[in-house]
Amino acid sequence: MTKAYGAFNSGRGYTEHGQRIGWCIAAVERDPEFDSDLFDLYTVVFYDLDRTINGVITVMGEVTPVSVMREYDRGQYGYPDTEALRVANEVALQAAQDL
């Protein structure tokens, strides 16, 4: 099971602090036909503290720094536009600030 929120530093040199990214799971969609987390779809809000970019991505299987960066780098993100996503964005922001 994937934890609900976290943060990591990608190591990219955007600022003197690198690239600090916080994330928070806003929703999980599970296919009842599968008895495995491998096919869960996670709606994840991320906040890139150093580039001041936030967004919403979908990750299948497990939320990890690699899966978050894959979707972020591909530009496969939308913007938090509901109250639940805005709350998740605040959690992601706080996680990045706590790094």
Protein backbone atom coordinates (compact mmCIF):
# COMPACT_ATOMS: atom_id res chain seq x y z
CA MET A 1 0.00 0.00 0.00
CA THR A 2 1.30 3.42 -0.93
CA LYS A 3 1.58 6.00 1.85
CA ALA A 4 -0.68 9.06 1.63
CA TYR A 5 1.92 11.79 1.19
CA GLY A 6 5.62 12.45 1.00
CA ALA A 7 8.40 14.56 -0.43
CA PHE A 8 11.70 14.11 -2.21
CA ASN A 9 14.47 16.09 -3.84
CA SER A 10 15.01 15.23 -7.50
CA GLY A 11 18.60 16.46 -7.28
CA ARG A 12 18.13 18.75 -10.27
CA GLY A 13 19.86 22.08 -9.80
CA TYR A 14 17.00 24.53 -10.22
CA THR A 15 17.93 26.35 -6.99
CA GLU A 16 20.57 26.09 -4.29
CA HIS A 17 18.19 23.58 -2.64
CA GLY A 18 17.84 21.44 -5.75
CA GLN A 19 14.26 20.57 -6.71
CA ARG A 20 12.07 19.82 -3.70
CA ILE A 21 8.77 18.16 -4.54
CA GLY A 22 5.96 17.27 -2.17
CA TRP A 23 3.04 15.04 -3.11
CA CYS A 24 -0.25 13.90 -1.64
CA ILE A 25 -2.71 11.23 -2.75
CA ALA A 26 -6.11 12.84 -3.29
CA ALA A 27 -8.01 9.73 -4.45
CA VAL A 28 -7.59 6.03 -5.25
CA GLU A 29 -9.54 4.08 -7.85
CA ARG A 30 -9.39 0.33 -7.42
CA ASP A 31 -10.52 -2.21 -9.99
CA PRO A 32 -12.53 -4.83 -8.06
CA GLU A 33 -11.49 -7.54 -10.54
CA PHE A 34 -7.89 -7.39 -9.35
CA ASP A 35 -6.69 -8.37 -5.90
CA SER A 36 -3.54 -6.31 -6.19
CA ASP A 37 -2.35 -2.74 -5.66
CA LEU A 38 -0.52 -2.98 -8.99
CA PHE A 39 -3.58 -1.78 -10.89
CA ASP A 40 -4.73 0.96 -8.51
CA LEU A 41 -5.00 4.41 -10.08
CA TYR A 42 -3.89 7.19 -7.76
CA THR A 43 -4.84 10.83 -8.23
CA VAL A 44 -1.81 12.66 -6.88
CA VAL A 45 -1.31 16.36 -6.25
CA PHE A 46 2.32 17.53 -6.39
CA TYR A 47 4.01 20.79 -5.50
CA ASP A 48 7.42 21.71 -6.88
CA LEU A 49 8.58 24.15 -4.21
CA ASP A 50 11.62 25.40 -6.08
CA ARG A 51 9.94 26.03 -9.43
CA THR A 52 6.57 26.98 -7.82
CA ILE A 53 4.68 24.57 -10.06
CA ASN A 54 1.82 22.43 -8.81
CA GLY A 55 -0.40 19.95 -10.54
CA VAL A 56 -2.52 16.82 -10.49
CA ILE A 57 -1.29 13.57 -12.04
CA THR A 58 -2.53 9.99 -12.29
CA VAL A 59 -0.16 7.23 -11.24
CA MET A 60 -0.79 3.51 -11.66
CA GLY A 61 0.52 0.98 -9.15
CA GLU A 62 2.63 2.82 -6.62
CA VAL A 63 3.38 6.46 -5.94
CA THR A 64 7.16 6.91 -5.88
CA PRO A 65 9.55 9.73 -6.76
CA VAL A 66 10.13 8.00 -10.11
CA SER A 67 6.41 7.72 -10.93
CA VAL A 68 5.75 11.34 -9.91
CA MET A 69 8.68 12.68 -11.96
CA ARG A 70 7.74 10.54 -14.98
CA GLU A 71 4.30 12.19 -15.24
CA TYR A 72 5.60 15.64 -14.31
CA ASP A 73 8.39 15.51 -16.91
CA ARG A 74 5.95 14.36 -19.59
CA GLY A 75 3.73 17.36 -18.81
CA GLN A 76 0.89 14.97 -17.97
CA TYR A 77 -0.62 17.11 -15.24
CA GLY A 78 -3.63 19.28 -14.70
CA TYR A 79 -4.24 21.85 -11.99
CA PRO A 80 -5.95 21.46 -8.60
CA ASP A 81 -9.45 22.84 -9.15
CA THR A 82 -11.60 21.32 -6.41
CA GLU A 83 -11.53 21.84 -2.65
CA ALA A 84 -10.19 18.31 -2.04
CA LEU A 85 -7.36 18.86 -4.50
CA ARG A 86 -6.56 22.25 -2.97
CA VAL A 87 -6.30 20.63 0.47
CA ALA A 88 -4.03 17.92 -0.95
CA ASN A 89 -1.94 20.67 -2.56
CA GLU A 90 -1.40 22.25 0.87
CA VAL A 91 -0.25 18.88 2.27
CA ALA A 92 2.16 18.46 -0.67
CA LEU A 93 3.49 22.00 -0.19
CA GLN A 94 4.09 21.40 3.52
CA ALA A 95 5.85 18.09 2.82
CA ALA A 96 8.22 19.83 0.39
CA GLN A 97 8.92 22.63 2.87
CA ASP A 98 9.75 20.07 5.57
CA LEU A 99 12.56 18.50 3.50
